Amino acid sequence: MNALSNLTGLIPIIGGIYGLLLAQGVLPRKTNKPEEWAVWRRKFGGFYMIAGPLLILLGIAEFFGMFKT
């Protein structure tokens, strides 16, 4: 196994952080359509508030090599 194989755990970590920031309304900072983002948050925000931390935890586990094949 090469030294960069654990770096694949960064992908779900970054994705989970991005999903949390979207669900909390931190991102996008400036938008031309705030009403549409409010609708999106009401529709998908709850899912991303749960899925984001799970993705982060799975990414951390993968980063530290807990899922060796």
Protein backbone atom coordinates (compact mmCIF):
# COMPACT_ATOMS: atom_id res chain seq x y z
CA MET A 1 0.00 0.00 0.00
CA ASN A 2 1.43 3.37 -0.95
CA ALA A 3 1.66 6.41 1.30
CA LEU A 4 -1.08 8.34 -0.51
CA SER A 5 -3.76 5.67 -0.19
CA ASN A 6 -5.03 7.07 3.12
CA LEU A 7 -5.49 10.49 1.57
CA THR A 8 -8.65 9.19 -0.09
CA GLY A 9 -10.26 9.69 3.32
CA LEU A 10 -10.03 13.43 2.74
CA ILE A 11 -12.69 13.29 0.02
CA PRO A 12 -15.58 12.29 2.33
CA ILE A 13 -14.27 14.63 5.04
CA ILE A 14 -14.37 17.60 2.68
CA GLY A 15 -17.73 16.50 1.28
CA GLY A 16 -19.21 16.21 4.76
CA ILE A 17 -17.96 19.64 5.76
CA TYR A 18 -19.33 21.14 2.55
CA GLY A 19 -22.73 19.49 3.11
CA LEU A 20 -22.90 20.80 6.67
CA LEU A 21 -22.03 24.32 5.55
CA LEU A 22 -24.74 24.18 2.88
CA ALA A 23 -27.33 22.87 5.34
CA GLN A 24 -26.52 25.52 7.92
CA GLY A 25 -26.71 28.35 5.41
CA VAL A 26 -23.06 29.36 5.63
CA LEU A 27 -22.58 28.58 1.93
CA PRO A 28 -23.18 30.09 -0.58
CA ARG A 29 -22.17 33.41 0.93
CA LYS A 30 -23.61 35.57 -1.83
CA THR A 31 -26.49 34.40 -3.98
CA ASN A 32 -28.90 36.00 -6.38
CA LYS A 33 -31.68 33.61 -5.35
CA PRO A 34 -31.94 33.45 -1.54
CA GLU A 35 -35.55 32.21 -1.72
CA GLU A 36 -34.53 29.16 -3.71
CA TRP A 37 -31.75 28.35 -1.23
CA ALA A 38 -34.22 28.66 1.65
CA VAL A 39 -36.49 26.13 -0.08
CA TRP A 40 -33.51 23.84 -0.71
CA ARG A 41 -32.50 24.00 2.97
CA ARG A 42 -36.02 23.17 4.11
CA LYS A 43 -36.12 20.23 1.71
CA PHE A 44 -32.62 18.76 2.10
CA GLY A 45 -31.08 20.50 5.11
CA GLY A 46 -32.16 17.88 7.64
CA PHE A 47 -30.63 15.09 5.58
CA TYR A 48 -27.33 16.93 5.22
CA MET A 49 -27.23 17.74 8.94
CA ILE A 50 -27.21 13.97 9.58
CA ALA A 51 -25.25 12.75 6.54
CA GLY A 52 -22.50 15.39 6.85
CA PRO A 53 -21.15 14.25 10.24
CA LEU A 54 -21.45 10.61 9.18
CA LEU A 55 -19.39 11.32 6.08
CA ILE A 56 -16.80 13.10 8.19
CA LEU A 57 -16.55 10.16 10.60
CA LEU A 58 -16.23 7.66 7.75
CA GLY A 59 -13.57 9.81 6.14
CA ILE A 60 -11.60 9.96 9.37
CA ALA A 61 -11.85 6.19 9.73
CA GLU A 62 -10.66 5.72 6.15
CA PHE A 63 -7.87 8.26 6.64
CA PHE A 64 -6.50 6.32 9.60
CA GLY A 65 -6.72 3.01 7.72
CA MET A 66 -9.61 1.35 9.50
CA PHE A 67 -10.99 0.06 6.18
CA LYS A 68 -8.01 -1.90 4.92
CA THR A 69 -8.65 -4.23 2.03
